[in-house]
Amino acid sequence: MKEVALVILNYNGIRYLEKFLPDVIAYSKDDADIYVADNCSTDGSIEMISERFSEVKIIVNEYNGGFATGYNHALKQIDAEYYILLNSDIEVTKGWITPVVNLMKSDPMIGAA
């Protein structure tokens, strides 16, 4: 288990996952465990992730409770020092996690970045 958990909440976002997840994995896998928390998608998202991205851990929420409930249910199942909540339509670049984690470590008064 890594110190950082990167969690993407998904609901029928297969097109975003197909487009952005490869770079999220490439630029994040060394620094974070990667999770997709699914809010009962019906578009084949979970099957696609299972088939194409074995390094991604999948959490299937029992129901679609929306953004806050979806993340709350998922985060209860993940043990990490730092959590990154990442939208599924975000493009990341090399080295994007380390500066944020270093900033968080540098000052215990920082609660979110």
PDB file of N, CA and C in Angstrom:
ATOM      1  N   MET A   1       0.833  -1.186   0.000  1.00  0.00           N
ATOM      2  CA  MET A   1       0.000   0.000   0.000  1.00  0.00           C
ATOM      3  C   MET A   1       0.876   1.248   0.000  1.00  0.00           C
ATOM      4  N   LYS A   2       0.524   2.166  -0.833  1.00  0.00           N
ATOM      5  CA  LYS A   2       1.263   3.422  -0.923  1.00  0.00           C
ATOM      6  C   LYS A   2       0.672   4.448   0.042  1.00  0.00           C
ATOM      7  N   GLU A   3       1.412   5.489   0.280  1.00  0.00           N
ATOM      8  CA  GLU A   3       1.007   6.566   1.169  1.00  0.00           C
ATOM      9  C   GLU A   3      -0.152   7.386   0.596  1.00  0.00           C
ATOM     10  N   VAL A   4      -0.268   7.399  -0.715  1.00  0.00           N
ATOM     11  CA  VAL A   4      -1.273   8.210  -1.408  1.00  0.00           C
ATOM     12  C   VAL A   4      -2.263   7.302  -2.123  1.00  0.00           C
ATOM     13  N   ALA A   5      -3.552   7.627  -1.962  1.00  0.00           N
ATOM     14  CA  ALA A   5      -4.611   6.948  -2.718  1.00  0.00           C
ATOM     15  C   ALA A   5      -5.241   7.975  -3.646  1.00  0.00           C
ATOM     16  N   LEU A   6      -5.247   7.665  -4.918  1.00  0.00           N
ATOM     17  CA  LEU A   6      -5.874   8.508  -5.928  1.00  0.00           C
ATOM     18  C   LEU A   6      -7.221   7.871  -6.245  1.00  0.00           C
ATOM     19  N   VAL A   7      -8.294   8.615  -6.035  1.00  0.00           N
ATOM     20  CA  VAL A   7      -9.635   8.058  -6.183  1.00  0.00           C
ATOM     21  C   VAL A   7     -10.421   8.866  -7.209  1.00  0.00           C
ATOM     22  N   ILE A   8     -10.934   8.168  -8.203  1.00  0.00           N
ATOM     23  CA  ILE A   8     -11.766   8.774  -9.240  1.00  0.00           C
ATOM     24  C   ILE A   8     -13.181   8.243  -9.056  1.00  0.00           C
ATOM     25  N   LEU A   9     -14.127   9.142  -8.824  1.00  0.00           N
ATOM     26  CA  LEU A   9     -15.524   8.748  -8.744  1.00  0.00           C
ATOM     27  C   LEU A   9     -16.082   8.689 -10.168  1.00  0.00           C
ATOM     28  N   ASN A  10     -16.791   7.616 -10.457  1.00  0.00           N
ATOM     29  CA  ASN A  10     -17.287   7.406 -11.816  1.00  0.00           C
ATOM     30  C   ASN A  10     -18.772   7.082 -11.807  1.00  0.00           C
ATOM     31  N   TYR A  11     -19.482   7.689 -12.737  1.00  0.00           N
ATOM     32  CA  TYR A  11     -20.847   7.279 -13.051  1.00  0.00           C
ATOM     33  C   TYR A  11     -21.021   7.420 -14.562  1.00  0.00           C
ATOM     34  N   ASN A  12     -21.072   6.299 -15.234  1.00  0.00           N
ATOM     35  CA  ASN A  12     -21.247   6.265 -16.692  1.00  0.00           C
ATOM     36  C   ASN A  12     -20.255   7.177 -17.414  1.00  0.00           C
ATOM     37  N   GLY A  13     -19.023   7.148 -16.971  1.00  0.00           N
ATOM     38  CA  GLY A  13     -17.995   8.000 -17.570  1.00  0.00           C
ATOM     39  C   GLY A  13     -16.986   7.241 -18.407  1.00  0.00           C
ATOM     40  N   ILE A  14     -17.425   6.192 -19.069  1.00  0.00           N
ATOM     41  CA  ILE A  14     -16.506   5.343 -19.827  1.00  0.00           C
ATOM     42  C   ILE A  14     -15.683   6.150 -20.830  1.00  0.00           C
ATOM     43  N   ARG A  15     -16.284   7.124 -21.486  1.00  0.00           N
ATOM     44  CA  ARG A  15     -15.530   7.872 -22.511  1.00  0.00           C
ATOM     45  C   ARG A  15     -14.413   8.695 -21.873  1.00  0.00           C
ATOM     46  N   TYR A  16     -14.643   9.236 -20.683  1.00  0.00           N
ATOM     47  CA  TYR A  16     -13.580   9.977 -19.990  1.00  0.00           C
ATOM     48  C   TYR A  16     -12.495   9.029 -19.493  1.00  0.00           C
ATOM     49  N   LEU A  17     -12.896   7.898 -18.963  1.00  0.00           N
ATOM     50  CA  LEU A  17     -11.919   6.928 -18.474  1.00  0.00           C
ATOM     51  C   LEU A  17     -11.045   6.406 -19.611  1.00  0.00           C
ATOM     52  N   GLU A  18     -11.642   6.108 -20.741  1.00  0.00           N
ATOM     53  CA  GLU A  18     -10.866   5.646 -21.894  1.00  0.00           C
ATOM     54  C   GLU A  18      -9.869   6.708 -22.342  1.00  0.00           C
ATOM     55  N   LYS A  19     -10.263   7.965 -22.273  1.00  0.00           N
ATOM     56  CA  LYS A  19      -9.405   9.050 -22.745  1.00  0.00           C
ATOM     57  C   LYS A  19      -8.323   9.434 -21.736  1.00  0.00           C
ATOM     58  N   PHE A  20      -8.679   9.559 -20.460  1.00  0.00           N
ATOM     59  CA  PHE A  20      -7.750  10.139 -19.486  1.00  0.00           C
ATOM     60  C   PHE A  20      -7.078   9.133 -18.558  1.00  0.00           C
ATOM     61  N   LEU A  21      -7.692   7.984 -18.331  1.00  0.00           N
ATOM     62  CA  LEU A  21      -7.122   7.020 -17.388  1.00  0.00           C
ATOM     63  C   LEU A  21      -5.732   6.504 -17.784  1.00  0.00           C
ATOM     64  N   PRO A  22      -5.443   6.284 -19.057  1.00  0.00           N
ATOM     65  CA  PRO A  22      -4.084   5.818 -19.386  1.00  0.00           C
ATOM     66  C   PRO A  22      -2.986   6.761 -18.879  1.00  0.00           C
ATOM     67  N   ASP A  23      -3.152   8.066 -19.042  1.00  0.00           N
ATOM     68  CA  ASP A  23      -2.141   9.005 -18.540  1.00  0.00           C
ATOM     69  C   ASP A  23      -2.170   9.119 -17.021  1.00  0.00           C
ATOM     70  N   VAL A  24      -3.351   9.027 -16.425  1.00  0.00           N
ATOM     71  CA  VAL A  24      -3.428   9.031 -14.963  1.00  0.00           C
ATOM     72  C   VAL A  24      -2.603   7.866 -14.418  1.00  0.00           C
ATOM     73  N   ILE A  25      -2.750   6.709 -15.010  1.00  0.00           N
ATOM     74  CA  ILE A  25      -1.982   5.539 -14.571  1.00  0.00           C
ATOM     75  C   ILE A  25      -0.498   5.758 -14.827  1.00  0.00           C
ATOM     76  N   ALA A  26      -0.145   6.160 -16.028  1.00  0.00           N
ATOM     77  CA  ALA A  26       1.272   6.327 -16.390  1.00  0.00           C
ATOM     78  C   ALA A  26       1.984   7.323 -15.478  1.00  0.00           C
ATOM     79  N   TYR A  27       1.296   8.423 -15.132  1.00  0.00           N
ATOM     80  CA  TYR A  27       1.940   9.491 -14.369  1.00  0.00           C
ATOM     81  C   TYR A  27       1.638   9.446 -12.874  1.00  0.00           C
ATOM     82  N   SER A  28       0.936   8.402 -12.411  1.00  0.00           N
ATOM     83  CA  SER A  28       0.559   8.351 -11.001  1.00  0.00           C
ATOM     84  C   SER A  28       0.898   7.038 -10.314  1.00  0.00           C
ATOM     85  N   LYS A  29       1.049   5.959 -11.071  1.00  0.00           N
ATOM     86  CA  LYS A  29       1.159   4.630 -10.466  1.00  0.00           C
ATOM     87  C   LYS A  29       2.363   4.460  -9.550  1.00  0.00           C
ATOM     88  N   ASP A  30       3.433   5.205  -9.776  1.00  0.00           N
ATOM     89  CA  ASP A  30       4.603   5.085  -8.901  1.00  0.00           C
ATOM     90  C   ASP A  30       4.400   5.812  -7.574  1.00  0.00           C
ATOM     91  N   ASP A  31       3.472   6.760  -7.546  1.00  0.00           N
ATOM     92  CA  ASP A  31       3.272   7.590  -6.360  1.00  0.00           C
ATOM     93  C   ASP A  31       1.984   7.302  -5.602  1.00  0.00           C
ATOM     94  N   ALA A  32       1.063   6.591  -6.211  1.00  0.00           N
ATOM     95  CA  ALA A  32      -0.244   6.407  -5.579  1.00  0.00           C
ATOM     96  C   ALA A  32      -0.872   5.083  -5.989  1.00  0.00           C
ATOM     97  N   ASP A  33      -1.693   4.548  -5.091  1.00  0.00           N
ATOM     98  CA  ASP A  33      -2.590   3.470  -5.472  1.00  0.00           C
ATOM     99  C   ASP A  33      -3.772   4.138  -6.160  1.00  0.00           C
ATOM    100  N   ILE A  34      -4.210   3.577  -7.271  1.00  0.00           N
ATOM    101  CA  ILE A  34      -5.253   4.198  -8.076  1.00  0.00           C
ATOM    102  C   ILE A  34      -6.546   3.398  -7.938  1.00  0.00           C
ATOM    103  N   TYR A  35      -7.618   4.121  -7.618  1.00  0.00           N
ATOM    104  CA  TYR A  35      -8.940   3.531  -7.437  1.00  0.00           C
ATOM    105  C   TYR A  35      -9.946   4.230  -8.339  1.00  0.00           C
ATOM    106  N   VAL A  36     -10.893   3.460  -8.836  1.00  0.00           N
ATOM    107  CA  VAL A  36     -12.095   4.032  -9.423  1.00  0.00           C
ATOM    108  C   VAL A  36     -13.238   3.571  -8.533  1.00  0.00           C
ATOM    109  N   ALA A  37     -13.965   4.547  -7.992  1.00  0.00           N
ATOM    110  CA  ALA A  37     -15.150   4.269  -7.188  1.00  0.00           C
ATOM    111  C   ALA A  37     -16.348   4.473  -8.097  1.00  0.00           C
ATOM    112  N   ASP A  38     -17.099   3.421  -8.320  1.00  0.00           N
ATOM    113  CA  ASP A  38     -18.185   3.497  -9.284  1.00  0.00           C
ATOM    114  C   ASP A  38     -19.534   3.613  -8.601  1.00  0.00           C
ATOM    115  N   ASN A  39     -20.331   4.558  -9.087  1.00  0.00           N
ATOM    116  CA  ASN A  39     -21.668   4.819  -8.561  1.00  0.00           C
ATOM    117  C   ASN A  39     -22.739   4.118  -9.398  1.00  0.00           C
ATOM    118  N   CYS A  40     -22.594   2.802  -9.560  1.00  0.00           N
ATOM    119  CA  CYS A  40     -23.600   1.981 -10.258  1.00  0.00           C
ATOM    120  C   CYS A  40     -23.740   2.337 -11.742  1.00  0.00           C
ATOM    121  N   SER A  41     -22.633   2.459 -12.415  1.00  0.00           N
ATOM    122  CA  SER A  41     -22.653   2.751 -13.854  1.00  0.00           C
ATOM    123  C   SER A  41     -23.324   1.632 -14.632  1.00  0.00           C
ATOM    124  N   THR A  42     -23.915   2.018 -15.762  1.00  0.00           N
ATOM    125  CA  THR A  42     -24.567   1.050 -16.654  1.00  0.00           C
ATOM    126  C   THR A  42     -23.952   1.071 -18.047  1.00  0.00           C
ATOM    127  N   ASP A  43     -22.824   1.773 -18.198  1.00  0.00           N
ATOM    128  CA  ASP A  43     -22.226   1.949 -19.526  1.00  0.00           C
ATOM    129  C   ASP A  43     -21.040   1.031 -19.803  1.00  0.00           C
ATOM    130  N   GLY A  44     -20.788   0.073 -18.941  1.00  0.00           N
ATOM    131  CA  GLY A  44     -19.664  -0.837 -19.145  1.00  0.00           C
ATOM    132  C   GLY A  44     -18.347  -0.321 -18.609  1.00  0.00           C
ATOM    133  N   SER A  45     -18.370   0.754 -17.852  1.00  0.00           N
ATOM    134  CA  SER A  45     -17.143   1.349 -17.302  1.00  0.00           C
ATOM    135  C   SER A  45     -16.315   0.340 -16.514  1.00  0.00           C
ATOM    136  N   ILE A  46     -16.965  -0.347 -15.608  1.00  0.00           N
ATOM    137  CA  ILE A  46     -16.244  -1.260 -14.715  1.00  0.00           C
ATOM    138  C   ILE A  46     -15.664  -2.426 -15.493  1.00  0.00           C
ATOM    139  N   GLU A  47     -16.410  -2.955 -16.436  1.00  0.00           N
ATOM    140  CA  GLU A  47     -15.898  -4.057 -17.250  1.00  0.00           C
ATOM    141  C   GLU A  47     -14.693  -3.604 -18.068  1.00  0.00           C
ATOM    142  N   MET A  48     -14.763  -2.399 -18.614  1.00  0.00           N
ATOM    143  CA  MET A  48     -13.654  -1.868 -19.405  1.00  0.00           C
ATOM    144  C   MET A  48     -12.415  -1.696 -18.545  1.00  0.00           C
ATOM    145  N   ILE A  49     -12.571  -1.148 -17.352  1.00  0.00           N
ATOM    146  CA  ILE A  49     -11.423  -0.970 -16.457  1.00  0.00           C
ATOM    147  C   ILE A  49     -10.830  -2.331 -16.106  1.00  0.00           C
ATOM    148  N   SER A  50     -11.678  -3.282 -15.774  1.00  0.00           N
ATOM    149  CA  SER A  50     -11.203  -4.629 -15.414  1.00  0.00           C
ATOM    150  C   SER A  50     -10.409  -5.274 -16.541  1.00  0.00           C
ATOM    151  N   GLU A  51     -10.861  -5.071 -17.767  1.00  0.00           N
ATOM    152  CA  GLU A  51     -10.214  -5.688 -18.920  1.00  0.00           C
ATOM    153  C   GLU A  51      -8.933  -4.981 -19.346  1.00  0.00           C
ATOM    154  N   ARG A  52      -8.924  -3.652 -19.269  1.00  0.00           N
ATOM    155  CA  ARG A  52      -7.817  -2.886 -19.840  1.00  0.00           C
ATOM    156  C   ARG A  52      -6.834  -2.314 -18.831  1.00  0.00           C
ATOM    157  N   PHE A  53      -7.241  -2.152 -17.586  1.00  0.00           N
ATOM    158  CA  PHE A  53      -6.406  -1.453 -16.611  1.00  0.00           C
ATOM    159  C   PHE A  53      -6.337  -2.239 -15.299  1.00  0.00           C
ATOM    160  N   SER A  54      -5.623  -3.338 -15.329  1.00  0.00           N
ATOM    161  CA  SER A  54      -5.583  -4.227 -14.165  1.00  0.00           C
ATOM    162  C   SER A  54      -4.932  -3.579 -12.938  1.00  0.00           C
ATOM    163  N   GLU A  55      -4.165  -2.529 -13.136  1.00  0.00           N
ATOM    164  CA  GLU A  55      -3.504  -1.871 -12.003  1.00  0.00           C
ATOM    165  C   GLU A  55      -4.440  -0.958 -11.225  1.00  0.00           C
ATOM    166  N   VAL A  56      -5.646  -0.750 -11.722  1.00  0.00           N
ATOM    167  CA  VAL A  56      -6.628   0.099 -11.048  1.00  0.00           C
ATOM    168  C   VAL A  56      -7.505  -0.774 -10.157  1.00  0.00           C
ATOM    169  N   LYS A  57      -7.636  -0.351  -8.903  1.00  0.00           N
ATOM    170  CA  LYS A  57      -8.515  -1.037  -7.969  1.00  0.00           C
ATOM    171  C   LYS A  57      -9.926  -0.459  -8.138  1.00  0.00           C
ATOM    172  N   ILE A  58     -10.916  -1.323  -8.093  1.00  0.00           N
ATOM    173  CA  ILE A  58     -12.292  -0.900  -8.326  1.00  0.00           C
ATOM    174  C   ILE A  58     -13.095  -1.060  -7.046  1.00  0.00           C
ATOM    175  N   ILE A  59     -13.817  -0.005  -6.705  1.00  0.00           N
ATOM    176  CA  ILE A  59     -14.775  -0.044  -5.606  1.00  0.00           C
ATOM    177  C   ILE A  59     -16.144   0.215  -6.227  1.00  0.00           C
ATOM    178  N   VAL A  60     -17.074  -0.692  -6.000  1.00  0.00           N
ATOM    179  CA  VAL A  60     -18.418  -0.528  -6.542  1.00  0.00           C
ATOM    180  C   VAL A  60     -19.338  -0.126  -5.392  1.00  0.00           C
ATOM    181  N   ASN A  61     -19.835   1.094  -5.460  1.00  0.00           N
ATOM    182  CA  ASN A  61     -20.781   1.552  -4.444  1.00  0.00           C
ATOM    183  C   ASN A  61     -22.121   0.840  -4.636  1.00  0.00           C
ATOM    184  N   GLU A  62     -22.826   0.621  -3.532  1.00  0.00           N
ATOM    185  CA  GLU A  62     -24.084  -0.124  -3.575  1.00  0.00           C
ATOM    186  C   GLU A  62     -25.183   0.627  -4.316  1.00  0.00           C
ATOM    187  N   TYR A  63     -25.090   1.949  -4.325  1.00  0.00           N
ATOM    188  CA  TYR A  63     -26.087   2.760  -5.018  1.00  0.00           C
ATOM    189  C   TYR A  63     -25.428   4.072  -5.431  1.00  0.00           C
ATOM    190  N   ASN A  64     -26.083   4.801  -6.326  1.00  0.00           N
ATOM    191  CA  ASN A  64     -25.559   6.081  -6.767  1.00  0.00           C
ATOM    192  C   ASN A  64     -26.071   7.155  -5.814  1.00  0.00           C
ATOM    193  N   GLY A  65     -25.223   7.518  -4.873  1.00  0.00           N
ATOM    194  CA  GLY A  65     -25.582   8.523  -3.887  1.00  0.00           C
ATOM    195  C   GLY A  65     -25.073   9.899  -4.259  1.00  0.00           C
ATOM    196  N   GLY A  66     -24.580  10.047  -5.489  1.00  0.00           N
ATOM    197  CA  GLY A  66     -24.045  11.326  -5.912  1.00  0.00           C
ATOM    198  C   GLY A  66     -22.589  11.501  -5.506  1.00  0.00           C
ATOM    199  N   PHE A  67     -22.110  12.719  -5.674  1.00  0.00           N
ATOM    200  CA  PHE A  67     -20.694  13.030  -5.486  1.00  0.00           C
ATOM    201  C   PHE A  67     -20.225  12.778  -4.048  1.00  0.00           C
ATOM    202  N   ALA A  68     -20.803  13.467  -3.102  1.00  0.00           N
ATOM    203  CA  ALA A  68     -20.323  13.377  -1.714  1.00  0.00           C
ATOM    204  C   ALA A  68     -20.508  11.980  -1.143  1.00  0.00           C
ATOM    205  N   THR A  69     -21.681  11.416  -1.303  1.00  0.00           N
ATOM    206  CA  THR A  69     -21.937  10.081  -0.761  1.00  0.00           C
ATOM    207  C   THR A  69     -21.061   9.040  -1.453  1.00  0.00           C
ATOM    208  N   GLY A  70     -20.909   9.179  -2.754  1.00  0.00           N
ATOM    209  CA  GLY A  70     -20.064   8.236  -3.487  1.00  0.00           C
ATOM    210  C   GLY A  70     -18.641   8.226  -2.978  1.00  0.00           C
ATOM    211  N   TYR A  71     -18.059   9.410  -2.812  1.00  0.00           N
ATOM    212  CA  TYR A  71     -16.700   9.475  -2.269  1.00  0.00           C
ATOM    213  C   TYR A  71     -16.651   8.997  -0.824  1.00  0.00           C
ATOM    214  N   ASN A  72     -17.611   9.391  -0.003  1.00  0.00           N
ATOM    215  CA  ASN A  72     -17.601   8.970   1.401  1.00  0.00           C
ATOM    216  C   ASN A  72     -17.639   7.461   1.534  1.00  0.00           C
ATOM    217  N   HIS A  73     -18.485   6.796   0.750  1.00  0.00           N
ATOM    218  CA  HIS A  73     -18.543   5.329   0.796  1.00  0.00           C
ATOM    219  C   HIS A  73     -17.213   4.711   0.354  1.00  0.00           C
ATOM    220  N   ALA A  74     -16.638   5.258  -0.693  1.00  0.00           N
ATOM    221  CA  ALA A  74     -15.378   4.710  -1.209  1.00  0.00           C
ATOM    222  C   ALA A  74     -14.227   4.936  -0.239  1.00  0.00           C
ATOM    223  N   LEU A  75     -14.097   6.144   0.277  1.00  0.00           N
ATOM    224  CA  LEU A  75     -12.950   6.467   1.135  1.00  0.00           C
ATOM    225  C   LEU A  75     -12.957   5.664   2.424  1.00  0.00           C
ATOM    226  N   LYS A  76     -14.107   5.240   2.890  1.00  0.00           N
ATOM    227  CA  LYS A  76     -14.176   4.382   4.082  1.00  0.00           C
ATOM    228  C   LYS A  76     -13.481   3.043   3.847  1.00  0.00           C
ATOM    229  N   GLN A  77     -13.328   2.667   2.585  1.00  0.00           N
ATOM    230  CA  GLN A  77     -12.741   1.376   2.240  1.00  0.00           C
ATOM    231  C   GLN A  77     -11.256   1.462   1.876  1.00  0.00           C
ATOM    232  N   ILE A  78     -10.691   2.664   1.963  1.00  0.00           N
ATOM    233  CA  ILE A  78      -9.303   2.871   1.545  1.00  0.00           C
ATOM    234  C   ILE A  78      -8.509   3.419   2.727  1.00  0.00           C
ATOM    235  N   ASP A  79      -7.360   2.825   2.973  1.00  0.00           N
ATOM    236  CA  ASP A  79      -6.484   3.299   4.036  1.00  0.00           C
ATOM    237  C   ASP A  79      -5.257   3.953   3.401  1.00  0.00           C
ATOM    238  N   ALA A  80      -5.107   5.256   3.618  1.00  0.00           N
ATOM    239  CA  ALA A  80      -3.962   5.989   3.083  1.00  0.00           C
ATOM    240  C   ALA A  80      -3.707   7.204   3.959  1.00  0.00           C
ATOM    241  N   GLU A  81      -2.517   7.742   3.852  1.00  0.00           N
ATOM    242  CA  GLU A  81      -2.174   8.973   4.562  1.00  0.00           C
ATOM    243  C   GLU A  81      -2.763  10.183   3.835  1.00  0.00           C
ATOM    244  N   TYR A  82      -2.707  10.143   2.503  1.00  0.00           N
ATOM    245  CA  TYR A  82      -3.209  11.238   1.674  1.00  0.00           C
ATOM    246  C   TYR A  82      -4.162  10.680   0.629  1.00  0.00           C
ATOM    247  N   TYR A  83      -5.216  11.453   0.372  1.00  0.00           N
ATOM    248  CA  TYR A  83      -6.209  11.073  -0.626  1.00  0.00           C
ATOM    249  C   TYR A  83      -6.278  12.155  -1.693  1.00  0.00           C
ATOM    250  N   ILE A  84      -6.236  11.735  -2.936  1.00  0.00           N
ATOM    251  CA  ILE A  84      -6.447  12.641  -4.062  1.00  0.00           C
ATOM    252  C   ILE A  84      -7.796  12.275  -4.658  1.00  0.00           C
ATOM    253  N   LEU A  85      -8.702  13.250  -4.700  1.00  0.00           N
ATOM    254  CA  LEU A  85      -9.997  13.057  -5.350  1.00  0.00           C
ATOM    255  C   LEU A  85      -9.893  13.708  -6.716  1.00  0.00           C
ATOM    256  N   LEU A  86      -9.908  12.890  -7.738  1.00  0.00           N
ATOM    257  CA  LEU A  86      -9.645  13.365  -9.089  1.00  0.00           C
ATOM    258  C   LEU A  86     -10.857  13.142  -9.976  1.00  0.00           C
ATOM    259  N   ASN A  87     -11.296  14.173 -10.653  1.00  0.00           N
ATOM    260  CA  ASN A  87     -12.379  14.012 -11.625  1.00  0.00           C
ATOM    261  C   ASN A  87     -11.907  13.127 -12.772  1.00  0.00           C
ATOM    262  N   SER A  88     -12.836  12.449 -13.389  1.00  0.00           N
ATOM    263  CA  SER A  88     -12.482  11.521 -14.463  1.00  0.00           C
ATOM    264  C   SER A  88     -12.100  12.216 -15.761  1.00  0.00           C
ATOM    265  N   ASP A  89     -12.368  13.509 -15.865  1.00  0.00           N
ATOM    266  CA  ASP A  89     -12.065  14.235 -17.103  1.00  0.00           C
ATOM    267  C   ASP A  89     -10.863  15.165 -16.949  1.00  0.00           C
ATOM    268  N   ILE A  90      -9.918  14.763 -16.120  1.00  0.00           N
ATOM    269  CA  ILE A  90      -8.729  15.578 -15.848  1.00  0.00           C
ATOM    270  C   ILE A  90      -7.507  14.955 -16.504  1.00  0.00           C
ATOM    271  N   GLU A  91      -6.731  15.792 -17.158  1.00  0.00           N
ATOM    272  CA  GLU A  91      -5.471  15.358 -17.757  1.00  0.00           C
ATOM    273  C   GLU A  91      -4.341  15.699 -16.795  1.00  0.00           C
ATOM    274  N   VAL A  92      -3.533  14.717 -16.445  1.00  0.00           N
ATOM    275  CA  VAL A  92      -2.397  14.937 -15.551  1.00  0.00           C
ATOM    276  C   VAL A  92      -1.096  14.822 -16.328  1.00  0.00           C
ATOM    277  N   THR A  93      -0.014  15.315 -15.729  1.00  0.00           N
ATOM    278  CA  THR A  93       1.294  15.272 -16.365  1.00  0.00           C
ATOM    279  C   THR A  93       2.305  14.636 -15.424  1.00  0.00           C
ATOM    280  N   LYS A  94       3.448  14.323 -15.948  1.00  0.00           N
ATOM    281  CA  LYS A  94       4.511  13.680 -15.184  1.00  0.00           C
ATOM    282  C   LYS A  94       4.868  14.519 -13.956  1.00  0.00           C
ATOM    283  N   GLY A  95       4.999  13.843 -12.822  1.00  0.00           N
ATOM    284  CA  GLY A  95       5.457  14.495 -11.599  1.00  0.00           C
ATOM    285  C   GLY A  95       4.417  15.340 -10.891  1.00  0.00           C
ATOM    286  N   TRP A  96       3.165  15.181 -11.198  1.00  0.00           N
ATOM    287  CA  TRP A  96       2.134  16.066 -10.654  1.00  0.00           C
ATOM    288  C   TRP A  96       1.808  15.810  -9.196  1.00  0.00           C
ATOM    289  N   ILE A  97       2.035  14.625  -8.674  1.00  0.00           N
ATOM    290  CA  ILE A  97       1.649  14.300  -7.302  1.00  0.00           C
ATOM    291  C   ILE A  97       2.684  14.749  -6.283  1.00  0.00           C
ATOM    292  N   THR A  98       3.943  14.528  -6.549  1.00  0.00           N
ATOM    293  CA  THR A  98       5.007  14.767  -5.570  1.00  0.00           C
ATOM    294  C   THR A  98       5.020  16.173  -4.981  1.00  0.00           C
ATOM    295  N   PRO A  99       4.927  17.241  -5.766  1.00  0.00           N
ATOM    296  CA  PRO A  99       4.959  18.584  -5.165  1.00  0.00           C
ATOM    297  C   PRO A  99       3.817  18.832  -4.181  1.00  0.00           C
ATOM    298  N   VAL A 100       2.662  18.300  -4.470  1.00  0.00           N
ATOM    299  CA  VAL A 100       1.520  18.508  -3.584  1.00  0.00           C
ATOM    300  C   VAL A 100       1.718  17.753  -2.276  1.00  0.00           C
ATOM    301  N   VAL A 101       2.160  16.509  -2.356  1.00  0.00           N
ATOM    302  CA  VAL A 101       2.404  15.722  -1.145  1.00  0.00           C
ATOM    303  C   VAL A 101       3.532  16.349  -0.330  1.00  0.00           C
ATOM    304  N   ASN A 102       4.584  16.803  -0.982  1.00  0.00           N
ATOM    305  CA  ASN A 102       5.683  17.456  -0.260  1.00  0.00           C
ATOM    306  C   ASN A 102       5.204  18.712   0.459  1.00  0.00           C
ATOM    307  N   LEU A 103       4.338  19.476  -0.185  1.00  0.00           N
ATOM    308  CA  LEU A 103       3.782  20.666   0.459  1.00  0.00           C
ATOM    309  C   LEU A 103       2.960  20.273   1.683  1.00  0.00           C
ATOM    310  N   MET A 104       2.136  19.259   1.554  1.00  0.00           N
ATOM    311  CA  MET A 104       1.326  18.799   2.689  1.00  0.00           C
ATOM    312  C   MET A 104       2.213  18.347   3.846  1.00  0.00           C
ATOM    313  N   LYS A 105       3.285  17.651   3.533  1.00  0.00           N
ATOM    314  CA  LYS A 105       4.201  17.172   4.575  1.00  0.00           C
ATOM    315  C   LYS A 105       4.967  18.308   5.238  1.00  0.00           C
ATOM    316  N   SER A 106       5.171  19.390   4.516  1.00  0.00           N
ATOM    317  CA  SER A 106       6.004  20.481   5.017  1.00  0.00           C
ATOM    318  C   SER A 106       5.307  21.333   6.078  1.00  0.00           C
ATOM    319  N   ASP A 107       3.997  21.258   6.148  1.00  0.00           N
ATOM    320  CA  ASP A 107       3.272  22.120   7.081  1.00  0.00           C
ATOM    321  C   ASP A 107       2.026  21.401   7.580  1.00  0.00           C
ATOM    322  N   PRO A 108       2.032  20.981   8.853  1.00  0.00           N
ATOM    323  CA  PRO A 108       0.880  20.236   9.383  1.00  0.00           C
ATOM    324  C   PRO A 108      -0.406  21.071   9.449  1.00  0.00           C
ATOM    325  N   MET A 109      -0.313  22.360   9.239  1.00  0.00           N
ATOM    326  CA  MET A 109      -1.505  23.213   9.238  1.00  0.00           C
ATOM    327  C   MET A 109      -2.256  23.138   7.902  1.00  0.00           C
ATOM    328  N   ILE A 110      -1.630  22.573   6.886  1.00  0.00           N
ATOM    329  CA  ILE A 110      -2.285  22.443   5.592  1.00  0.00           C
ATOM    330  C   ILE A 110      -3.161  21.197   5.647  1.00  0.00           C
ATOM    331  N   GLY A 111      -4.452  21.378   5.484  1.00  0.00           N
ATOM    332  CA  GLY A 111      -5.394  20.268   5.547  1.00  0.00           C
ATOM    333  C   GLY A 111      -5.874  19.790   4.191  1.00  0.00           C
ATOM    334  N   ALA A 112      -5.736  20.657   3.186  1.00  0.00           N
ATOM    335  CA  ALA A 112      -6.170  20.305   1.838  1.00  0.00           C
ATOM    336  C   ALA A 112      -5.365  21.138   0.850  1.00  0.00           C
ATOM    337  N   ALA A 113      -5.094  20.549  -0.290  1.00  0.00           N
ATOM    338  CA  ALA A 113      -4.343  21.271  -1.316  1.00  0.00           C
ATOM    339  C   ALA A 113      -4.959  21.018  -2.663  1.00  0.00           C
TER     340      ALA A 113
END
